[in-house]
Amino acid sequence: MNKQIIKLIRNEPIKLAHLLGFTDMNELHNNWLKRIMFSDDDFTLLAHRSSYKTSTVSIAIALLMILYPNKVIFFMRKTDTDVIEIVRQVSNILSTDLFREIVEMIYDVELRFTDKSAYKLNTNLNVSNKGAVQLLGLGINGSLTGKHADIIFTDDIVNIKDRISKSEREHTKLIYQELQNIKNRGGRFVNTGTTWHKEDCISLMPNKIYYDCYSTGLINKDTLNAIRQSMTPSLFSANYELKHIADEDALFTNPQFFGDDKLLYNGVLHIDASYGGGDGTAFTIIKQVGNCFYVLGKRRQKHVDDCLSEFYLLMDKYKAGTIYAEQNADKGYLEKEMRMSNKIVKSYNENMNKYIKISTYLRANWSKIYFHEDTDSEYLNEILDYTENAQHDDSPDSLASIIRELTGKGKWLY
């Protein structure tokens, strides 16, 4: 066994990361790699977006498969698609000339895969008689029955859905608790991710270490300001400052959901159009049934002209009829465009203060509103973040406007 290469992996794995092409990684990532690979305890790494934490995890898993080939590594992310991405990255790392040379130096054998698929990897280094593969990946909704592992990775199993939905938070926590049962004696957890809510699954994870956007030095001030301007406060806070915005002063919390498409059929819709700049285009389909409102919301950071074809497909899918649209900003341009596509349009001139409109019509009906499960997270997040000084308000404005039309224009709802 080549002691020199083992010493390099243990003390300076960052040098191997650089040789793999991850040249933006630095001493910070060197410490992460060593902690992930050689810590005896469970721990949780919470680092801001674009900090290379997932790349660090991929490199660490590949090195662990070489150093401890008989150990079983289990990897979980939120969705199957996310899992496939990481398994593929680990496979690509192991397939490099660099890693083949490392294996040759340590074991004097040629590295090859004996089992390789979208969700699992095994190499000829594994001589265990357990019959288990070295790396097994699974989405959060996959079956854990019969699974056992020595090292369990969870990566971003908490996301924006956990901020929006209490049921999603509880489901994620339940799965994380079930993972405890598949850890072999003497095994450990490595968690990486982002906190979205004070009661999300991150709250259960041990030994948390935080690296926010101000402490790593990986994003310069100008870039960080541009990122801040491009998203809602809660998105920036969660993804870059590693904290959630408390709900105490929020106008809107705990949205309700439904999944039956038919509850939206034969409704109406509203478009809050963007014509460039920092605003987005918000699209709301709504159906009133008794005192309840069933809503599908979409938001695109695009000019309205680039959204219409997609919105028309959604109109057809949900059998929506009349389109409501404000004509103050465009002098009737959007109405004309939609009428040319044979759509029924009702335009109106907006003369109501936006904050008053949202804080009355939308807030007064909040408990009666149910959002379709296919509603964009960006649409909902913009509503949950809304305050009088909110920079982004296209989604709450769209929903408040159409509720005002349905309940009686100008009618005070308090």
Protein backbone atom coordinates (compact mmCIF):
# COMPACT_ATOMS: atom_id res chain seq x y z
CA MET A 1 0.00 0.00 0.00
CA ASN A 2 1.34 3.41 -1.01
CA LYS A 3 1.58 5.37 2.26
CA GLN A 4 2.34 8.63 0.48
CA ILE A 5 -0.94 8.73 -1.43
CA ILE A 6 -2.86 7.71 1.72
CA LYS A 7 -1.22 10.59 3.59
CA LEU A 8 -2.19 12.98 0.78
CA ILE A 9 -5.84 11.88 0.89
CA ARG A 10 -5.95 12.22 4.66
CA ASN A 11 -4.24 15.60 4.92
CA GLU A 12 -4.63 17.42 1.59
CA PRO A 13 -7.53 15.94 -0.37
CA ILE A 14 -8.07 19.40 -1.87
CA LYS A 15 -5.07 18.76 -4.14
CA LEU A 16 -6.95 15.86 -5.70
CA ALA A 17 -10.04 18.05 -6.09
CA HIS A 18 -7.93 20.58 -8.00
CA LEU A 19 -6.58 17.85 -10.27
CA LEU A 20 -10.16 16.81 -10.97
CA GLY A 21 -10.91 20.36 -12.19
CA PHE A 22 -12.51 21.83 -9.05
CA THR A 23 -10.01 24.67 -8.98
CA ASP A 24 -12.27 27.15 -7.17
CA MET A 25 -12.29 24.97 -4.06
CA ASN A 26 -9.89 26.07 -1.31
CA GLU A 27 -8.66 25.27 2.20
CA LEU A 28 -12.21 25.57 3.50
CA HIS A 29 -13.21 22.65 1.30
CA ASN A 30 -10.10 20.76 2.35
CA ASN A 31 -11.40 20.88 5.92
CA TRP A 32 -14.88 19.84 4.77
CA LEU A 33 -13.46 16.85 2.90
CA LYS A 34 -11.46 15.69 5.92
CA ARG A 35 -14.43 16.13 8.27
CA ILE A 36 -16.76 14.23 5.94
CA MET A 37 -14.37 11.34 5.42
CA PHE A 38 -12.71 10.91 8.80
CA SER A 39 -15.00 12.26 11.52
CA ASP A 40 -16.13 9.67 14.05
CA ASP A 41 -19.35 11.55 14.88
CA ASP A 42 -22.52 12.46 13.05
CA PHE A 43 -22.45 16.04 11.84
CA THR A 44 -24.38 18.51 9.71
CA LEU A 45 -22.76 20.89 7.23
CA LEU A 46 -24.96 23.88 6.40
CA ALA A 47 -23.34 26.02 3.74
CA HIS A 48 -24.69 28.65 1.37
CA ARG A 49 -25.65 27.99 -2.21
CA SER A 50 -22.75 27.89 -4.71
CA SER A 51 -20.32 26.95 -1.96
CA TYR A 52 -19.43 23.62 -3.64
CA LYS A 53 -20.79 21.58 -0.74
CA THR A 54 -22.43 19.01 -3.05
CA SER A 55 -19.27 18.75 -5.15
CA THR A 56 -17.35 18.23 -1.90
CA VAL A 57 -19.72 15.42 -0.96
CA SER A 58 -19.28 13.75 -4.38
CA ILE A 59 -15.49 13.82 -4.12
CA ALA A 60 -15.62 12.55 -0.53
CA ILE A 61 -17.87 9.63 -1.47
CA ALA A 62 -15.56 8.63 -4.32
CA LEU A 63 -12.52 8.70 -1.98
CA LEU A 64 -14.40 6.76 0.71
CA MET A 65 -15.24 4.06 -1.82
CA ILE A 66 -11.50 3.66 -2.43
CA LEU A 67 -10.29 3.95 1.17
CA TYR A 68 -13.04 1.81 2.72
CA PRO A 69 -14.26 -0.39 -0.14
CA ASN A 70 -16.18 -2.79 2.10
CA LYS A 71 -18.29 -0.10 3.74
CA VAL A 72 -21.82 0.55 2.48
CA ILE A 73 -22.60 4.20 1.71
CA PHE A 74 -26.23 5.31 1.48
CA PHE A 75 -27.04 8.64 -0.18
CA MET A 76 -30.42 10.40 -0.03
CA ARG A 77 -31.68 13.57 -1.69
CA LYS A 78 -35.17 15.03 -2.08
CA THR A 79 -35.95 13.54 -5.49
CA ASP A 80 -34.82 10.57 -7.57
CA THR A 81 -33.58 12.95 -10.27
CA ASP A 82 -31.30 14.68 -7.77
CA VAL A 83 -29.94 11.32 -6.63
CA ILE A 84 -29.16 10.23 -10.19
CA GLU A 85 -27.16 13.44 -10.70
CA ILE A 86 -24.89 12.73 -7.72
CA VAL A 87 -24.42 9.02 -8.45
CA ARG A 88 -23.42 10.00 -11.99
CA GLN A 89 -20.91 12.56 -10.67
CA VAL A 90 -19.33 10.01 -8.32
CA SER A 91 -19.17 7.54 -11.21
CA ASN A 92 -17.45 10.12 -13.40
CA ILE A 93 -14.90 10.88 -10.68
CA LEU A 94 -14.09 7.20 -10.20
CA SER A 95 -13.72 6.82 -13.97
CA THR A 96 -11.00 9.48 -14.25
CA ASP A 97 -7.40 8.54 -14.97
CA LEU A 98 -6.48 10.18 -11.66
CA PHE A 99 -8.59 7.82 -9.57
CA ARG A 100 -7.55 4.79 -11.57
CA GLU A 101 -3.92 5.73 -10.88
CA ILE A 102 -4.67 6.20 -7.17
CA VAL A 103 -6.23 2.72 -6.98
CA GLU A 104 -3.26 1.26 -8.83
CA MET A 105 -0.88 2.91 -6.35
CA ILE A 106 -2.81 1.71 -3.27
CA TYR A 107 -3.98 -1.78 -4.27
CA ASP A 108 -1.96 -2.64 -7.36
CA VAL A 109 -5.16 -3.49 -9.26
CA GLU A 110 -7.06 -1.89 -12.11
CA LEU A 111 -10.25 -0.17 -10.91
CA ARG A 112 -13.42 -1.33 -12.63
CA PHE A 113 -17.15 -1.27 -11.91
CA THR A 114 -18.87 -4.56 -11.08
CA ASP A 115 -22.30 -2.95 -10.70
CA LYS A 116 -23.30 0.39 -12.12
CA SER A 117 -26.72 1.96 -12.58
CA ALA A 118 -28.52 5.26 -12.06
CA TYR A 119 -28.85 4.58 -8.32
CA LYS A 120 -25.93 2.36 -7.33
CA LEU A 121 -22.22 1.79 -7.81
CA ASN A 122 -19.94 -1.08 -6.90
CA THR A 123 -16.29 -1.74 -7.80
CA ASN A 124 -13.95 -4.70 -7.77
CA LEU A 125 -12.39 -3.29 -4.60
CA ASN A 126 -15.39 -4.50 -2.62
CA VAL A 127 -14.60 -8.00 -1.34
CA SER A 128 -17.21 -8.06 1.41
CA ASN A 129 -19.43 -11.12 1.63
CA LYS A 130 -22.46 -9.01 2.59
CA GLY A 131 -23.61 -8.79 -1.02
CA ALA A 132 -24.26 -5.05 -0.72
CA VAL A 133 -23.04 -2.43 -3.19
CA GLN A 134 -20.66 0.32 -2.10
CA LEU A 135 -22.95 3.23 -2.97
CA LEU A 136 -26.75 3.20 -3.02
CA GLY A 137 -28.80 6.33 -3.75
CA LEU A 138 -32.48 6.92 -3.06
CA GLY A 139 -35.00 9.74 -3.26
CA ILE A 140 -36.88 10.67 -0.12
CA ASN A 141 -39.98 8.75 -1.21
CA GLY A 142 -38.11 5.52 -1.94
CA SER A 143 -38.46 2.38 0.18
CA LEU A 144 -36.00 1.92 3.05
CA THR A 145 -37.11 -1.65 3.75
CA GLY A 146 -34.16 -4.01 4.02
CA LYS A 147 -31.56 -1.27 3.63
CA HIS A 148 -28.46 -1.05 5.85
CA ALA A 149 -25.47 1.28 5.65
CA ASP A 150 -22.27 2.25 7.41
CA ILE A 151 -22.23 5.88 6.26
CA ILE A 152 -25.48 7.71 5.50
CA PHE A 153 -25.44 10.97 3.53
CA THR A 154 -28.45 13.26 3.32
CA ASP A 155 -28.07 16.21 0.95
CA ASP A 156 -30.77 18.88 0.54
CA ILE A 157 -33.59 16.65 1.77
CA VAL A 158 -35.11 19.91 3.06
CA ASN A 159 -36.08 22.42 0.38
CA ILE A 160 -38.54 25.19 -0.37
CA LYS A 161 -41.47 22.75 -0.18
CA ASP A 162 -40.70 22.31 3.51
CA ARG A 163 -41.02 26.04 4.03
CA ILE A 164 -44.43 26.15 2.36
CA SER A 165 -46.04 22.93 3.57
CA LYS A 166 -46.34 21.59 7.11
CA SER A 167 -47.21 18.13 5.76
CA GLU A 168 -44.00 18.16 3.71
CA ARG A 169 -41.99 19.10 6.80
CA GLU A 170 -43.51 16.27 8.79
CA HIS A 171 -42.95 13.78 5.97
CA THR A 172 -39.28 14.75 5.66
CA LYS A 173 -38.77 14.42 9.41
CA LEU A 174 -40.45 11.01 9.42
CA ILE A 175 -38.12 9.73 6.68
CA TYR A 176 -35.06 11.12 8.46
CA GLN A 177 -36.09 9.35 11.65
CA GLU A 178 -36.56 6.12 9.70
CA LEU A 179 -33.00 6.47 8.39
CA GLN A 180 -31.74 5.98 11.93
CA ASN A 181 -32.89 2.36 11.70
CA ILE A 182 -30.76 1.53 8.66
CA LYS A 183 -27.48 2.76 10.19
CA ASN A 184 -25.23 -0.15 11.09
CA ARG A 185 -23.64 -0.34 14.52
CA GLY A 186 -20.72 2.06 14.58
CA GLY A 187 -22.05 3.89 11.52
CA ARG A 188 -22.53 7.62 11.13
CA PHE A 189 -24.53 10.37 9.43
CA VAL A 190 -23.26 13.22 7.26
CA ASN A 191 -25.99 15.81 6.56
CA THR A 192 -25.67 18.75 4.19
CA GLY A 193 -28.37 21.24 3.30
CA THR A 194 -30.27 24.45 4.02
CA THR A 195 -32.79 25.34 6.71
CA TRP A 196 -36.15 26.63 5.48
CA HIS A 197 -38.37 26.66 8.56
CA LYS A 198 -37.81 26.62 12.31
CA GLU A 199 -39.63 23.27 12.52
CA ASP A 200 -38.12 21.57 9.46
CA CYS A 201 -35.96 18.44 9.50
CA ILE A 202 -32.73 20.40 9.96
CA SER A 203 -33.90 21.01 13.53
CA LEU A 204 -33.43 17.26 14.19
CA MET A 205 -29.92 17.05 12.78
CA PRO A 206 -26.92 16.95 15.15
CA ASN A 207 -23.68 18.93 15.38
CA LYS A 208 -24.60 21.68 12.94
CA ILE A 209 -21.84 23.81 11.43
CA TYR A 210 -22.86 26.98 9.56
CA TYR A 211 -21.04 28.68 6.68
CA ASP A 212 -23.06 31.65 5.42
CA CYS A 213 -22.30 33.83 2.39
CA TYR A 214 -20.46 36.39 4.52
CA SER A 215 -18.04 33.95 6.18
CA THR A 216 -16.75 31.84 3.27
CA GLY A 217 -15.49 34.64 1.01
CA LEU A 218 -16.62 32.65 -2.03
CA ILE A 219 -18.98 35.34 -3.39
CA ASN A 220 -17.87 38.94 -3.86
CA LYS A 221 -19.97 41.85 -2.66
CA ASP A 222 -21.26 42.96 -6.07
CA THR A 223 -22.31 39.45 -7.06
CA LEU A 224 -24.00 38.94 -3.70
CA ASN A 225 -25.97 42.19 -4.08
CA ALA A 226 -27.09 41.13 -7.55
CA ILE A 227 -28.23 37.77 -6.20
CA ARG A 228 -30.10 39.50 -3.37
CA GLN A 229 -31.97 41.70 -5.85
CA SER A 230 -32.97 38.74 -8.01
CA MET A 231 -35.01 36.81 -5.42
CA THR A 232 -37.43 37.16 -2.54
CA PRO A 233 -36.07 37.83 0.96
CA SER A 234 -36.81 34.32 2.25
CA LEU A 235 -35.05 32.68 -0.70
CA PHE A 236 -31.95 34.79 -0.16
CA SER A 237 -32.07 34.37 3.60
CA ALA A 238 -32.38 30.57 3.40
CA ASN A 239 -29.97 29.96 0.55
CA TYR A 240 -27.24 32.44 1.41
CA GLU A 241 -27.61 33.62 5.02
CA LEU A 242 -28.67 30.17 6.30
CA LYS A 243 -31.62 31.38 8.30
CA HIS A 244 -35.35 31.49 7.86
CA ILE A 245 -37.55 34.55 8.11
CA ALA A 246 -39.91 34.25 11.06
CA ASP A 247 -43.64 34.30 10.40
CA GLU A 248 -44.64 36.58 13.30
CA ASP A 249 -45.09 39.68 11.15
CA ALA A 250 -46.13 37.93 7.95
CA LEU A 251 -49.49 38.67 6.37
CA PHE A 252 -49.74 35.15 4.93
CA THR A 253 -48.70 31.85 6.51
CA ASN A 254 -49.57 28.14 6.29
CA PRO A 255 -51.06 27.87 2.79
CA GLN A 256 -53.56 25.07 2.11
CA PHE A 257 -53.33 22.66 -0.83
CA PHE A 258 -55.40 20.39 -3.06
CA GLY A 259 -54.60 17.98 -5.88
CA ASP A 260 -57.81 17.40 -7.87
CA ASP A 261 -57.55 19.13 -11.28
CA LYS A 262 -61.33 19.16 -11.67
CA LEU A 263 -61.70 21.71 -8.89
CA LEU A 264 -60.08 24.24 -11.25
CA TYR A 265 -62.16 23.44 -14.34
CA ASN A 266 -64.13 26.30 -15.90
CA GLY A 267 -62.49 28.95 -13.77
CA VAL A 268 -61.14 32.34 -14.80
CA LEU A 269 -57.63 33.70 -14.77
CA HIS A 270 -55.50 36.76 -14.25
CA ILE A 271 -52.18 37.84 -15.74
CA ASP A 272 -49.91 40.30 -13.99
CA ALA A 273 -47.65 41.12 -16.90
CA SER A 274 -43.98 42.02 -16.95
CA TYR A 275 -42.56 44.14 -19.76
CA GLY A 276 -38.94 43.89 -18.66
CA GLY A 277 -36.92 45.13 -15.73
CA GLY A 278 -36.94 43.39 -12.37
CA ASP A 279 -40.59 42.36 -12.34
CA GLY A 280 -41.87 38.93 -13.31
CA THR A 281 -45.04 37.74 -15.00
CA ALA A 282 -47.54 36.10 -12.65
CA PHE A 283 -50.37 33.90 -13.90
CA THR A 284 -53.34 32.85 -11.76
CA ILE A 285 -56.12 30.40 -12.59
CA ILE A 286 -58.90 30.51 -9.99
CA LYS A 287 -62.25 28.79 -9.48
CA GLN A 288 -64.67 29.91 -6.79
CA VAL A 289 -66.78 27.14 -5.27
CA GLY A 290 -69.06 28.46 -2.55
CA ASN A 291 -66.86 30.45 -0.19
CA CYS A 292 -63.67 28.67 -1.28
CA PHE A 293 -61.15 29.64 -3.94
CA TYR A 294 -59.12 26.98 -5.77
CA VAL A 295 -55.94 28.44 -7.27
CA LEU A 296 -53.11 27.48 -9.60
CA GLY A 297 -50.29 30.02 -9.69
CA LYS A 298 -47.30 30.31 -12.01
CA ARG A 299 -44.53 32.89 -12.02
CA ARG A 300 -41.92 33.47 -14.71
CA GLN A 301 -39.03 35.93 -14.66
CA LYS A 302 -39.78 36.79 -18.28
CA HIS A 303 -41.47 39.34 -20.53
CA VAL A 304 -45.15 38.46 -20.85
CA ASP A 305 -44.77 37.79 -24.59
CA ASP A 306 -42.44 34.90 -23.76
CA CYS A 307 -44.97 33.34 -21.38
CA LEU A 308 -48.24 33.41 -23.29
CA SER A 309 -47.86 30.15 -25.21
CA GLU A 310 -47.21 28.25 -21.95
CA PHE A 311 -50.13 29.98 -20.24
CA TYR A 312 -52.47 29.17 -23.11
CA LEU A 313 -51.62 25.47 -22.71
CA LEU A 314 -52.50 25.68 -19.04
CA MET A 315 -55.75 27.43 -19.92
CA ASP A 316 -56.68 24.54 -22.20
CA LYS A 317 -55.68 21.92 -19.65
CA TYR A 318 -57.86 23.43 -16.92
CA LYS A 319 -60.64 24.62 -19.25
CA ALA A 320 -60.23 28.20 -18.05
CA GLY A 321 -62.24 30.98 -19.67
CA THR A 322 -62.03 34.74 -19.27
CA ILE A 323 -58.64 36.41 -18.79
CA TYR A 324 -58.44 39.49 -16.57
CA ALA A 325 -55.57 41.90 -17.14
CA GLU A 326 -54.67 45.43 -16.09
CA GLN A 327 -54.24 47.88 -18.96
CA ASN A 328 -52.65 50.85 -17.17
CA ALA A 329 -49.05 49.99 -18.02
CA ASP A 330 -49.42 48.83 -21.62
CA LYS A 331 -52.35 50.91 -22.90
CA GLY A 332 -54.22 47.79 -24.00
CA TYR A 333 -51.29 46.03 -25.73
CA LEU A 334 -51.70 42.72 -23.88
CA GLU A 335 -55.46 42.69 -24.37
CA LYS A 336 -54.99 43.15 -28.11
CA GLU A 337 -52.38 40.36 -28.28
CA MET A 338 -54.62 37.90 -26.45
CA ARG A 339 -57.72 38.78 -28.49
CA MET A 340 -55.72 38.02 -31.63
CA SER A 341 -55.40 34.49 -30.22
CA ASN A 342 -59.18 34.32 -29.80
CA LYS A 343 -59.11 34.68 -26.03
CA ILE A 344 -61.87 36.34 -24.04
CA VAL A 345 -60.31 39.26 -22.19
CA LYS A 346 -61.59 41.70 -19.60
CA SER A 347 -59.19 44.57 -19.03
CA TYR A 348 -59.41 47.13 -16.27
CA ASN A 349 -57.71 50.30 -15.09
CA GLU A 350 -56.05 49.91 -11.70
CA ASN A 351 -56.60 52.81 -9.31
CA MET A 352 -56.29 51.05 -5.95
CA ASN A 353 -53.19 51.15 -3.76
CA LYS A 354 -51.46 47.77 -4.16
CA TYR A 355 -50.77 47.22 -0.47
CA ILE A 356 -54.36 47.99 0.49
CA LYS A 357 -55.63 45.66 -2.23
CA ILE A 358 -53.41 42.77 -1.15
CA SER A 359 -53.83 43.27 2.59
CA THR A 360 -57.61 43.39 2.26
CA TYR A 361 -58.85 41.17 -0.58
CA LEU A 362 -56.15 38.53 -0.32
CA ARG A 363 -55.74 38.54 3.44
CA ALA A 364 -59.47 38.54 4.18
CA ASN A 365 -59.92 35.43 2.04
CA TRP A 366 -56.65 33.66 2.94
CA SER A 367 -58.29 30.93 5.03
CA LYS A 368 -60.60 30.10 2.10
CA ILE A 369 -57.85 29.76 -0.51
CA TYR A 370 -56.50 26.36 -1.59
CA PHE A 371 -53.47 26.10 -3.89
CA HIS A 372 -53.06 23.37 -6.48
CA GLU A 373 -50.04 21.17 -5.77
CA ASP A 374 -48.56 22.23 -9.13
CA THR A 375 -48.44 25.89 -8.09
CA ASP A 376 -44.90 27.25 -8.51
CA SER A 377 -42.89 27.53 -5.32
CA GLU A 378 -41.75 30.95 -6.54
CA TYR A 379 -45.38 32.08 -6.82
CA LEU A 380 -46.21 30.94 -3.29
CA ASN A 381 -42.97 32.17 -1.80
CA GLU A 382 -43.60 35.64 -3.15
CA ILE A 383 -46.97 35.67 -1.39
CA LEU A 384 -45.55 34.35 1.89
CA ASP A 385 -42.81 37.02 1.78
CA TYR A 386 -45.15 39.89 1.03
CA THR A 387 -44.91 43.09 3.08
CA GLU A 388 -45.71 46.69 2.25
CA ASN A 389 -42.08 47.23 1.24
CA ALA A 390 -41.65 43.99 -0.69
CA GLN A 391 -39.55 44.39 -3.83
CA HIS A 392 -41.33 41.52 -5.60
CA ASP A 393 -45.13 41.45 -5.44
CA ASP A 394 -46.35 40.18 -8.82
CA SER A 395 -47.91 36.98 -7.47
CA PRO A 396 -49.86 38.42 -4.51
CA ASP A 397 -50.97 41.28 -6.73
CA SER A 398 -52.30 38.88 -9.36
CA LEU A 399 -54.18 36.76 -6.83
CA ALA A 400 -55.59 39.75 -4.94
CA SER A 401 -56.73 41.38 -8.19
CA ILE A 402 -58.69 38.38 -9.41
CA ILE A 403 -60.27 37.77 -5.99
CA ARG A 404 -61.39 41.39 -6.01
CA GLU A 405 -63.03 40.84 -9.38
CA LEU A 406 -64.80 37.70 -8.20
CA THR A 407 -66.03 39.14 -4.90
CA GLY A 408 -67.14 42.50 -6.21
CA LYS A 409 -64.93 45.34 -7.35
CA GLY A 410 -64.44 48.03 -4.77
CA LYS A 411 -66.22 46.07 -2.05
CA TRP A 412 -64.50 46.49 1.33
CA LEU A 413 -64.04 43.07 2.88
CA TYR A 414 -63.25 43.81 6.51
